[in-house]
Structures are given as C-alpha cells and as structure tokens.
All heavy atoms as atom14 arrays in JSON, in Angstrom:
{
  "sequence": "GPSAALMYWNNRDKTRQCFLGDWLKSGDKYVCDPDGYYTYAGRSDD",
  "atom14_mask": [
    [1, 1, 1, 1, 0, 0, 0, 0, 0, 0, 0, 0, 0, 0],
    [1, 1, 1, 1, 1, 1, 1, 0, 0, 0, 0, 0, 0, 0],
    [1, 1, 1, 1, 1, 1, 0, 0, 0, 0, 0, 0, 0, 0],
    [1, 1, 1, 1, 1, 0, 0, 0, 0, 0, 0, 0, 0, 0],
    [1, 1, 1, 1, 1, 0, 0, 0, 0, 0, 0, 0, 0, 0],
    [1, 1, 1, 1, 1, 1, 1, 1, 0, 0, 0, 0, 0, 0],
    [1, 1, 1, 1, 1, 1, 1, 1, 0, 0, 0, 0, 0, 0],
    [1, 1, 1, 1, 1, 1, 1, 1, 1, 1, 1, 1, 0, 0],
    [1, 1, 1, 1, 1, 1, 1, 1, 1, 1, 1, 1, 1, 1],
    [1, 1, 1, 1, 1, 1, 1, 1, 0, 0, 0, 0, 0, 0],
    [1, 1, 1, 1, 1, 1, 1, 1, 0, 0, 0, 0, 0, 0],
    [1, 1, 1, 1, 1, 1, 1, 1, 1, 1, 1, 0, 0, 0],
    [1, 1, 1, 1, 1, 1, 1, 1, 0, 0, 0, 0, 0, 0],
    [1, 1, 1, 1, 1, 1, 1, 1, 1, 0, 0, 0, 0, 0],
    [1, 1, 1, 1, 1, 1, 1, 0, 0, 0, 0, 0, 0, 0],
    [1, 1, 1, 1, 1, 1, 1, 1, 1, 1, 1, 0, 0, 0],
    [1, 1, 1, 1, 1, 1, 1, 1, 1, 0, 0, 0, 0, 0],
    [1, 1, 1, 1, 1, 1, 0, 0, 0, 0, 0, 0, 0, 0],
    [1, 1, 1, 1, 1, 1, 1, 1, 1, 1, 1, 0, 0, 0],
    [1, 1, 1, 1, 1, 1, 1, 1, 0, 0, 0, 0, 0, 0],
    [1, 1, 1, 1, 0, 0, 0, 0, 0, 0, 0, 0, 0, 0],
    [1, 1, 1, 1, 1, 1, 1, 1, 0, 0, 0, 0, 0, 0],
    [1, 1, 1, 1, 1, 1, 1, 1, 1, 1, 1, 1, 1, 1],
    [1, 1, 1, 1, 1, 1, 1, 1, 0, 0, 0, 0, 0, 0],
    [1, 1, 1, 1, 1, 1, 1, 1, 1, 0, 0, 0, 0, 0],
    [1, 1, 1, 1, 1, 1, 0, 0, 0, 0, 0, 0, 0, 0],
    [1, 1, 1, 1, 0, 0, 0, 0, 0, 0, 0, 0, 0, 0],
    [1, 1, 1, 1, 1, 1, 1, 1, 0, 0, 0, 0, 0, 0],
    [1, 1, 1, 1, 1, 1, 1, 1, 1, 0, 0, 0, 0, 0],
    [1, 1, 1, 1, 1, 1, 1, 1, 1, 1, 1, 1, 0, 0],
    [1, 1, 1, 1, 1, 1, 1, 0, 0, 0, 0, 0, 0, 0],
    [1, 1, 1, 1, 1, 1, 0, 0, 0, 0, 0, 0, 0, 0],
    [1, 1, 1, 1, 1, 1, 1, 1, 0, 0, 0, 0, 0, 0],
    [1, 1, 1, 1, 1, 1, 1, 0, 0, 0, 0, 0, 0, 0],
    [1, 1, 1, 1, 1, 1, 1, 1, 0, 0, 0, 0, 0, 0],
    [1, 1, 1, 1, 0, 0, 0, 0, 0, 0, 0, 0, 0, 0],
    [1, 1, 1, 1, 1, 1, 1, 1, 1, 1, 1, 1, 0, 0],
    [1, 1, 1, 1, 1, 1, 1, 1, 1, 1, 1, 1, 0, 0],
    [1, 1, 1, 1, 1, 1, 1, 0, 0, 0, 0, 0, 0, 0],
    [1, 1, 1, 1, 1, 1, 1, 1, 1, 1, 1, 1, 0, 0],
    [1, 1, 1, 1, 1, 0, 0, 0, 0, 0, 0, 0, 0, 0],
    [1, 1, 1, 1, 0, 0, 0, 0, 0, 0, 0, 0, 0, 0],
    [1, 1, 1, 1, 1, 1, 1, 1, 1, 1, 1, 0, 0, 0],
    [1, 1, 1, 1, 1, 1, 0, 0, 0, 0, 0, 0, 0, 0],
    [1, 1, 1, 1, 1, 1, 1, 1, 0, 0, 0, 0, 0, 0],
    [1, 1, 1, 1, 1, 1, 1, 1, 0, 0, 0, 0, 0, 0]
  ],
  "atom14_positions": [
    [[6.07, 10.54, 56.88], [5.18, 9.56, 57.48], [5.08, 8.3, 56.65], [5.51, 8.26, 55.49], [0.0, 0.0, 0.0], [0.0, 0.0, 0.0], [0.0, 0.0, 0.0], [0.0, 0.0, 0.0], [0.0, 0.0, 0.0], [0.0, 0.0, 0.0], [0.0, 0.0, 0.0], [0.0, 0.0, 0.0], [0.0, 0.0, 0.0], [0.0, 0.0, 0.0]],
    [[4.49, 7.25, 57.23], [4.5, 5.93, 56.59], [3.57, 5.79, 55.39], [3.65, 4.79, 54.67], [4.06, 4.99, 57.73], [3.2, 5.87, 58.6], [3.85, 7.22, 58.55], [0.0, 0.0, 0.0], [0.0, 0.0, 0.0], [0.0, 0.0, 0.0], [0.0, 0.0, 0.0], [0.0, 0.0, 0.0], [0.0, 0.0, 0.0], [0.0, 0.0, 0.0]],
    [[2.68, 6.74, 55.17], [1.71, 6.6, 54.07], [2.12, 7.38, 52.82], [1.33, 7.5, 51.89], [0.33, 7.07, 54.54], [0.38, 8.44, 54.91], [0.0, 0.0, 0.0], [0.0, 0.0, 0.0], [0.0, 0.0, 0.0], [0.0, 0.0, 0.0], [0.0, 0.0, 0.0], [0.0, 0.0, 0.0], [0.0, 0.0, 0.0], [0.0, 0.0, 0.0]],
    [[3.35, 7.89, 52.79], [3.78, 8.71, 51.65], [3.87, 7.89, 50.36], [4.24, 6.72, 50.36], [5.14, 9.33, 51.94], [0.0, 0.0, 0.0], [0.0, 0.0, 0.0], [0.0, 0.0, 0.0], [0.0, 0.0, 0.0], [0.0, 0.0, 0.0], [0.0, 0.0, 0.0], [0.0, 0.0, 0.0], [0.0, 0.0, 0.0], [0.0, 0.0, 0.0]],
    [[3.53, 8.56, 49.26], [3.69, 7.93, 47.94], [5.17, 7.8, 47.61], [6.04, 8.39, 48.27], [2.99, 8.78, 46.88], [0.0, 0.0, 0.0], [0.0, 0.0, 0.0], [0.0, 0.0, 0.0], [0.0, 0.0, 0.0], [0.0, 0.0, 0.0], [0.0, 0.0, 0.0], [0.0, 0.0, 0.0], [0.0, 0.0, 0.0], [0.0, 0.0, 0.0]],
    [[5.47, 7.02, 46.58], [6.85, 6.84, 46.14], [7.29, 7.92, 45.17], [8.44, 8.35, 45.18], [7.01, 5.47, 45.46], [6.78, 4.23, 46.32], [6.86, 2.98, 45.46], [7.81, 4.19, 47.44], [0.0, 0.0, 0.0], [0.0, 0.0, 0.0], [0.0, 0.0, 0.0], [0.0, 0.0, 0.0], [0.0, 0.0, 0.0], [0.0, 0.0, 0.0]],
    [[6.35, 8.36, 44.3], [6.72, 9.28, 43.22], [5.46, 9.75, 42.52], [4.35, 9.27, 42.82], [7.6, 8.56, 42.2], [6.85, 7.45, 41.45], [7.87, 6.49, 40.32], [8.7, 5.42, 41.51], [0.0, 0.0, 0.0], [0.0, 0.0, 0.0], [0.0, 0.0, 0.0], [0.0, 0.0, 0.0], [0.0, 0.0, 0.0], [0.0, 0.0, 0.0]],
    [[5.62, 10.71, 41.61], [4.56, 11.05, 40.67], [4.75, 10.2, 39.42], [5.86, 10.11, 38.89], [4.62, 12.54, 40.3], [4.28, 13.47, 41.44], [5.27, 14.23, 42.05], [2.98, 13.59, 41.9], [4.97, 15.09, 43.09], [2.66, 14.45, 42.93], [3.66, 15.19, 43.53], [3.37, 16.04, 44.57], [0.0, 0.0, 0.0], [0.0, 0.0, 0.0]],
    [[3.71, 9.59, 38.96], [3.8, 8.69, 37.81], [4.2, 9.47, 36.56], [3.58, 10.45, 36.19], [2.44, 8.01, 37.6], [2.42, 7.02, 36.47], [1.78, 7.13, 35.28], [3.07, 5.76, 36.45], [2.0, 6.03, 34.51], [2.79, 5.15, 35.19], [3.88, 5.07, 37.35], [3.28, 3.9, 34.84], [4.36, 3.82, 37.01], [4.07, 3.25, 35.76]],
    [[5.3, 9.02, 35.94], [5.8, 9.61, 34.69], [6.08, 11.1, 34.8], [5.9, 11.85, 33.83], [4.8, 9.36, 33.55], [4.83, 7.92, 33.06], [5.82, 7.22, 33.26], [3.76, 7.48, 32.43], [0.0, 0.0, 0.0], [0.0, 0.0, 0.0], [0.0, 0.0, 0.0], [0.0, 0.0, 0.0], [0.0, 0.0, 0.0], [0.0, 0.0, 0.0]],
    [[6.5, 11.56, 35.97], [6.83, 12.98, 36.15], [8.07, 13.08, 37.03], [7.99, 13.4, 38.21], [5.65, 13.74, 36.76], [5.8, 15.24, 36.6], [6.92, 15.75, 36.47], [4.69, 15.95, 36.63], [0.0, 0.0, 0.0], [0.0, 0.0, 0.0], [0.0, 0.0, 0.0], [0.0, 0.0, 0.0], [0.0, 0.0, 0.0], [0.0, 0.0, 0.0]],
    [[9.2, 12.82, 36.41], [10.47, 12.8, 37.16], [10.8, 14.15, 37.75], [11.26, 14.24, 38.9], [11.59, 12.33, 36.23], [12.97, 12.31, 36.87], [14.0, 11.7, 35.93], [15.36, 11.87, 36.4], [15.94, 11.1, 37.32], [15.26, 10.11, 37.86], [17.19, 11.31, 37.7], [0.0, 0.0, 0.0], [0.0, 0.0, 0.0], [0.0, 0.0, 0.0]],
    [[10.58, 15.24, 36.99], [10.95, 16.57, 37.49], [10.18, 16.93, 38.76], [10.77, 17.4, 39.74], [10.7, 17.62, 36.41], [11.69, 17.52, 35.27], [12.76, 16.89, 35.46], [11.41, 18.07, 34.18], [0.0, 0.0, 0.0], [0.0, 0.0, 0.0], [0.0, 0.0, 0.0], [0.0, 0.0, 0.0], [0.0, 0.0, 0.0], [0.0, 0.0, 0.0]],
    [[8.86, 16.73, 38.75], [8.07, 17.06, 39.94], [8.4, 16.14, 41.09], [8.41, 16.56, 42.26], [6.58, 17.0, 39.61], [5.72, 17.58, 40.73], [4.26, 17.67, 40.34], [3.46, 18.3, 41.48], [2.01, 18.36, 41.19], [0.0, 0.0, 0.0], [0.0, 0.0, 0.0], [0.0, 0.0, 0.0], [0.0, 0.0, 0.0], [0.0, 0.0, 0.0]],
    [[8.69, 14.87, 40.79], [9.08, 13.92, 41.84], [10.33, 14.42, 42.56], [10.41, 14.41, 43.79], [9.33, 12.53, 41.24], [8.11, 12.02, 40.71], [9.85, 11.56, 42.29], [0.0, 0.0, 0.0], [0.0, 0.0, 0.0], [0.0, 0.0, 0.0], [0.0, 0.0, 0.0], [0.0, 0.0, 0.0], [0.0, 0.0, 0.0], [0.0, 0.0, 0.0]],
    [[11.32, 14.89, 41.81], [12.58, 15.35, 42.4], [12.39, 16.64, 43.2], [13.13, 16.9, 44.14], [13.63, 15.54, 41.31], [14.01, 14.23, 40.62], [15.05, 14.45, 39.54], [16.34, 14.84, 40.1], [17.43, 15.08, 39.37], [17.37, 14.97, 38.05], [18.56, 15.43, 39.94], [0.0, 0.0, 0.0], [0.0, 0.0, 0.0], [0.0, 0.0, 0.0]],
    [[11.4, 17.44, 42.82], [11.14, 18.69, 43.54], [10.41, 18.45, 44.87], [10.64, 19.18, 45.84], [10.27, 19.62, 42.69], [10.97, 20.16, 41.45], [9.99, 20.85, 40.52], [8.86, 21.14, 40.89], [10.43, 21.1, 39.29], [0.0, 0.0, 0.0], [0.0, 0.0, 0.0], [0.0, 0.0, 0.0], [0.0, 0.0, 0.0], [0.0, 0.0, 0.0]],
    [[9.57, 17.42, 44.92], [8.68, 17.25, 46.07], [9.06, 16.09, 46.99], [8.88, 16.19, 48.2], [7.24, 17.06, 45.6], [6.58, 18.46, 44.66], [0.0, 0.0, 0.0], [0.0, 0.0, 0.0], [0.0, 0.0, 0.0], [0.0, 0.0, 0.0], [0.0, 0.0, 0.0], [0.0, 0.0, 0.0], [0.0, 0.0, 0.0], [0.0, 0.0, 0.0]],
    [[9.56, 14.99, 46.45], [9.93, 13.83, 47.27], [11.42, 13.9, 47.56], [12.25, 13.58, 46.72], [9.56, 12.53, 46.54], [8.08, 12.31, 46.44], [7.38, 12.73, 45.31], [7.36, 11.71, 47.47], [6.01, 12.54, 45.21], [5.99, 11.51, 47.38], [5.31, 11.93, 46.25], [0.0, 0.0, 0.0], [0.0, 0.0, 0.0], [0.0, 0.0, 0.0]],
    [[11.73, 14.35, 48.77], [13.12, 14.63, 49.15], [13.54, 13.67, 50.26], [13.39, 13.96, 51.46], [13.24, 16.09, 49.61], [12.69, 17.13, 48.61], [12.69, 18.52, 49.22], [13.5, 17.11, 47.32], [0.0, 0.0, 0.0], [0.0, 0.0, 0.0], [0.0, 0.0, 0.0], [0.0, 0.0, 0.0], [0.0, 0.0, 0.0], [0.0, 0.0, 0.0]],
    [[14.04, 12.51, 49.87], [14.38, 11.49, 50.86], [13.11, 11.01, 51.55], [12.14, 10.64, 50.9], [0.0, 0.0, 0.0], [0.0, 0.0, 0.0], [0.0, 0.0, 0.0], [0.0, 0.0, 0.0], [0.0, 0.0, 0.0], [0.0, 0.0, 0.0], [0.0, 0.0, 0.0], [0.0, 0.0, 0.0], [0.0, 0.0, 0.0], [0.0, 0.0, 0.0]],
    [[13.13, 11.03, 52.89], [11.94, 10.62, 53.65], [10.89, 11.72, 53.73], [9.78, 11.49, 54.23], [12.34, 10.23, 55.08], [13.17, 8.95, 55.13], [13.01, 8.13, 54.2], [13.94, 8.78, 56.09], [0.0, 0.0, 0.0], [0.0, 0.0, 0.0], [0.0, 0.0, 0.0], [0.0, 0.0, 0.0], [0.0, 0.0, 0.0], [0.0, 0.0, 0.0]],
    [[11.22, 12.92, 53.25], [10.34, 14.07, 53.42], [9.61, 14.42, 52.13], [10.14, 14.26, 51.03], [11.15, 15.3, 53.88], [11.69, 15.14, 55.27], [12.88, 14.6, 55.63], [11.04, 15.5, 56.49], [13.04, 14.61, 57.0], [11.91, 15.17, 57.54], [9.8, 16.09, 56.78], [11.58, 15.4, 58.89], [9.48, 16.33, 58.11], [10.36, 15.98, 59.15]],
    [[8.4, 14.93, 52.28], [7.62, 15.43, 51.17], [7.42, 16.93, 51.34], [7.0, 17.39, 52.4], [6.23, 14.75, 51.14], [5.23, 15.35, 50.15], [5.59, 14.97, 48.73], [3.81, 14.89, 50.48], [0.0, 0.0, 0.0], [0.0, 0.0, 0.0], [0.0, 0.0, 0.0], [0.0, 0.0, 0.0], [0.0, 0.0, 0.0], [0.0, 0.0, 0.0]],
    [[7.76, 17.69, 50.3], [7.49, 19.12, 50.31], [6.08, 19.33, 49.79], [5.77, 19.04, 48.63], [8.5, 19.86, 49.42], [8.33, 21.38, 49.45], [9.39, 22.07, 48.59], [9.24, 23.59, 48.66], [10.25, 24.27, 47.83], [0.0, 0.0, 0.0], [0.0, 0.0, 0.0], [0.0, 0.0, 0.0], [0.0, 0.0, 0.0], [0.0, 0.0, 0.0]],
    [[5.2, 19.85, 50.64], [3.77, 19.87, 50.33], [3.34, 20.97, 49.36], [2.33, 20.85, 48.69], [2.96, 20.02, 51.62], [3.1, 21.33, 52.15], [0.0, 0.0, 0.0], [0.0, 0.0, 0.0], [0.0, 0.0, 0.0], [0.0, 0.0, 0.0], [0.0, 0.0, 0.0], [0.0, 0.0, 0.0], [0.0, 0.0, 0.0], [0.0, 0.0, 0.0]],
    [[4.12, 22.07, 49.31], [3.69, 23.21, 48.53], [2.79, 24.16, 49.29], [2.29, 25.15, 48.74], [0.0, 0.0, 0.0], [0.0, 0.0, 0.0], [0.0, 0.0, 0.0], [0.0, 0.0, 0.0], [0.0, 0.0, 0.0], [0.0, 0.0, 0.0], [0.0, 0.0, 0.0], [0.0, 0.0, 0.0], [0.0, 0.0, 0.0], [0.0, 0.0, 0.0]],
    [[2.59, 23.89, 50.6], [1.77, 24.76, 51.46], [2.66, 25.59, 52.37], [3.74, 25.15, 52.79], [0.83, 23.92, 52.33], [-0.17, 23.13, 51.5], [-1.03, 23.76, 50.86], [-0.07, 21.89, 51.48], [0.0, 0.0, 0.0], [0.0, 0.0, 0.0], [0.0, 0.0, 0.0], [0.0, 0.0, 0.0], [0.0, 0.0, 0.0], [0.0, 0.0, 0.0]],
    [[2.19, 26.79, 52.68], [2.86, 27.66, 53.65], [2.1, 27.59, 54.98], [0.87, 27.67, 55.0], [2.88, 29.11, 53.16], [3.71, 29.34, 51.9], [5.19, 29.46, 52.19], [5.95, 29.95, 50.97], [7.41, 30.07, 51.23], [0.0, 0.0, 0.0], [0.0, 0.0, 0.0], [0.0, 0.0, 0.0], [0.0, 0.0, 0.0], [0.0, 0.0, 0.0]],
    [[2.84, 27.49, 56.06], [2.25, 27.39, 57.39], [3.04, 28.21, 58.4], [4.2, 28.58, 58.17], [2.2, 25.93, 57.86], [0.86, 25.27, 57.62], [0.57, 24.72, 56.38], [-0.11, 25.22, 58.6], [-0.66, 24.13, 56.13], [-1.34, 24.63, 58.37], [-1.61, 24.09, 57.14], [-2.83, 23.52, 56.9], [0.0, 0.0, 0.0], [0.0, 0.0, 0.0]],
    [[2.4, 28.47, 59.53], [3.08, 29.07, 60.67], [2.66, 28.29, 61.9], [1.53, 27.79, 61.98], [2.71, 30.57, 60.81], [1.21, 30.75, 61.06], [3.52, 31.23, 61.92], [0.0, 0.0, 0.0], [0.0, 0.0, 0.0], [0.0, 0.0, 0.0], [0.0, 0.0, 0.0], [0.0, 0.0, 0.0], [0.0, 0.0, 0.0], [0.0, 0.0, 0.0]],
    [[3.58, 28.11, 62.86], [3.3, 27.33, 64.07], [3.37, 28.25, 65.28], [4.34, 29.01, 65.44], [4.3, 26.19, 64.21], [3.95, 25.08, 65.6], [0.0, 0.0, 0.0], [0.0, 0.0, 0.0], [0.0, 0.0, 0.0], [0.0, 0.0, 0.0], [0.0, 0.0, 0.0], [0.0, 0.0, 0.0], [0.0, 0.0, 0.0], [0.0, 0.0, 0.0]],
    [[2.34, 28.19, 66.15], [2.33, 29.06, 67.34], [3.06, 28.38, 68.5], [3.44, 27.21, 68.41], [0.9, 29.47, 67.7], [0.04, 28.31, 68.22], [0.6, 27.29, 68.66], [-1.19, 28.44, 68.19], [0.0, 0.0, 0.0], [0.0, 0.0, 0.0], [0.0, 0.0, 0.0], [0.0, 0.0, 0.0], [0.0, 0.0, 0.0], [0.0, 0.0, 0.0]],
    [[3.28, 29.09, 69.61], [4.03, 28.52, 70.73], [3.41, 27.27, 71.33], [4.1, 26.48, 71.99], [4.06, 29.67, 71.75], [3.92, 30.92, 70.94], [3.01, 30.54, 69.82], [0.0, 0.0, 0.0], [0.0, 0.0, 0.0], [0.0, 0.0, 0.0], [0.0, 0.0, 0.0], [0.0, 0.0, 0.0], [0.0, 0.0, 0.0], [0.0, 0.0, 0.0]],
    [[2.11, 27.06, 71.12], [1.44, 25.87, 71.66], [1.48, 24.69, 70.71], [0.9, 23.63, 71.0], [-0.02, 26.2, 72.01], [-0.13, 27.22, 73.13], [0.72, 27.2, 74.03], [-1.07, 28.03, 73.09], [0.0, 0.0, 0.0], [0.0, 0.0, 0.0], [0.0, 0.0, 0.0], [0.0, 0.0, 0.0], [0.0, 0.0, 0.0], [0.0, 0.0, 0.0]],
    [[2.13, 24.86, 69.56], [2.25, 23.76, 68.61], [1.1, 23.61, 67.63], [1.02, 22.61, 66.92], [0.0, 0.0, 0.0], [0.0, 0.0, 0.0], [0.0, 0.0, 0.0], [0.0, 0.0, 0.0], [0.0, 0.0, 0.0], [0.0, 0.0, 0.0], [0.0, 0.0, 0.0], [0.0, 0.0, 0.0], [0.0, 0.0, 0.0], [0.0, 0.0, 0.0]],
    [[0.23, 24.62, 67.56], [-0.86, 24.59, 66.59], [-0.41, 25.23, 65.28], [0.21, 26.31, 65.29], [-2.09, 25.34, 67.12], [-2.88, 24.58, 68.15], [-2.47, 24.54, 69.49], [-4.04, 23.89, 67.8], [-3.19, 23.84, 70.44], [-4.77, 23.19, 68.74], [-4.34, 23.16, 70.06], [-5.07, 22.47, 71.0], [0.0, 0.0, 0.0], [0.0, 0.0, 0.0]],
    [[-0.72, 24.57, 64.17], [-0.31, 25.03, 62.85], [-1.45, 25.79, 62.18], [-2.6, 25.35, 62.22], [0.12, 23.86, 61.98], [1.47, 23.29, 62.36], [1.61, 22.48, 63.48], [2.61, 23.59, 61.63], [2.84, 21.97, 63.86], [3.85, 23.09, 61.99], [3.96, 22.28, 63.1], [5.19, 21.8, 63.47], [0.0, 0.0, 0.0], [0.0, 0.0, 0.0]],
    [[-1.13, 26.93, 61.57], [-2.12, 27.76, 60.89], [-1.72, 27.93, 59.43], [-0.58, 28.3, 59.13], [-2.25, 29.14, 61.56], [-2.68, 28.95, 62.91], [-3.28, 30.0, 60.83], [0.0, 0.0, 0.0], [0.0, 0.0, 0.0], [0.0, 0.0, 0.0], [0.0, 0.0, 0.0], [0.0, 0.0, 0.0], [0.0, 0.0, 0.0], [0.0, 0.0, 0.0]],
    [[-2.66, 27.66, 58.57], [-2.43, 27.71, 57.12], [-2.23, 29.15, 56.66], [-2.96, 30.06, 57.03], [-3.64, 27.11, 56.42], [-3.56, 27.01, 54.92], [-2.61, 26.22, 54.29], [-4.49, 27.69, 54.12], [-2.57, 26.1, 52.91], [-4.46, 27.58, 52.74], [-3.5, 26.78, 52.14], [-3.46, 26.68, 50.78], [0.0, 0.0, 0.0], [0.0, 0.0, 0.0]],
    [[-1.21, 29.36, 55.81], [-0.93, 30.69, 55.27], [-1.17, 30.77, 53.77], [-1.16, 31.86, 53.2], [0.52, 31.1, 55.58], [0.0, 0.0, 0.0], [0.0, 0.0, 0.0], [0.0, 0.0, 0.0], [0.0, 0.0, 0.0], [0.0, 0.0, 0.0], [0.0, 0.0, 0.0], [0.0, 0.0, 0.0], [0.0, 0.0, 0.0], [0.0, 0.0, 0.0]],
    [[-1.39, 29.62, 53.11], [-1.66, 29.61, 51.68], [-0.74, 28.67, 50.94], [0.24, 28.15, 51.49], [0.0, 0.0, 0.0], [0.0, 0.0, 0.0], [0.0, 0.0, 0.0], [0.0, 0.0, 0.0], [0.0, 0.0, 0.0], [0.0, 0.0, 0.0], [0.0, 0.0, 0.0], [0.0, 0.0, 0.0], [0.0, 0.0, 0.0], [0.0, 0.0, 0.0]],
    [[-1.05, 28.43, 49.68], [-0.17, 27.68, 48.82], [1.05, 28.53, 48.49], [0.98, 29.76, 48.41], [-0.88, 27.29, 47.52], [-2.01, 26.3, 47.69], [-1.5, 24.92, 48.04], [-0.7, 24.33, 46.95], [-0.06, 23.18, 47.05], [-0.06, 22.5, 48.18], [0.62, 22.71, 46.03], [0.0, 0.0, 0.0], [0.0, 0.0, 0.0], [0.0, 0.0, 0.0]],
    [[2.18, 27.87, 48.3], [3.42, 28.6, 48.01], [3.28, 29.5, 46.79], [3.78, 30.63, 46.77], [4.57, 27.62, 47.81], [4.77, 26.84, 48.97], [0.0, 0.0, 0.0], [0.0, 0.0, 0.0], [0.0, 0.0, 0.0], [0.0, 0.0, 0.0], [0.0, 0.0, 0.0], [0.0, 0.0, 0.0], [0.0, 0.0, 0.0], [0.0, 0.0, 0.0]],
    [[2.55, 29.02, 45.76], [2.41, 29.81, 44.55], [1.26, 30.82, 44.63], [1.01, 31.54, 43.68], [2.23, 28.91, 43.32], [1.14, 27.87, 43.5], [0.45, 27.89, 44.54], [0.95, 27.05, 42.59], [0.0, 0.0, 0.0], [0.0, 0.0, 0.0], [0.0, 0.0, 0.0], [0.0, 0.0, 0.0], [0.0, 0.0, 0.0], [0.0, 0.0, 0.0]],
    [[0.54, 30.85, 45.77], [-0.53, 31.82, 45.96], [-0.1, 33.02, 46.82], [-0.83, 34.0, 46.92], [-1.75, 31.17, 46.64], [-2.54, 30.29, 45.68], [-2.47, 30.54, 44.47], [-3.22, 29.37, 46.16], [0.0, 0.0, 0.0], [0.0, 0.0, 0.0], [0.0, 0.0, 0.0], [0.0, 0.0, 0.0], [0.0, 0.0, 0.0], [0.0, 0.0, 0.0]]
  ]
}
C-alpha cells in the first residue's frame, strides 16, 4: 500500500527480512474465509 515505510532505521538485516519490494511481511499469521474476511491467528513467533 501507499503508506508503507521505506526501511527500519539503522537495521539493514530486519529491513531485508520485512520490506520485500512493494510488499511488507507483517510477522502476523492470518486465515481468510470464503467471504473474504480475515481472522487473526497470532504472531509468527507466537
């Protein structure tokens, strides 16, 4: 989306893990139902 940050300040490693081209990897787990509603499943590390 248009409001994404450019990077993490002074954190190249985390920037490369999360900012992937136009996409941001959020670190959240989700599931989507047939009607297009998203349900939170937890943080990836949780």
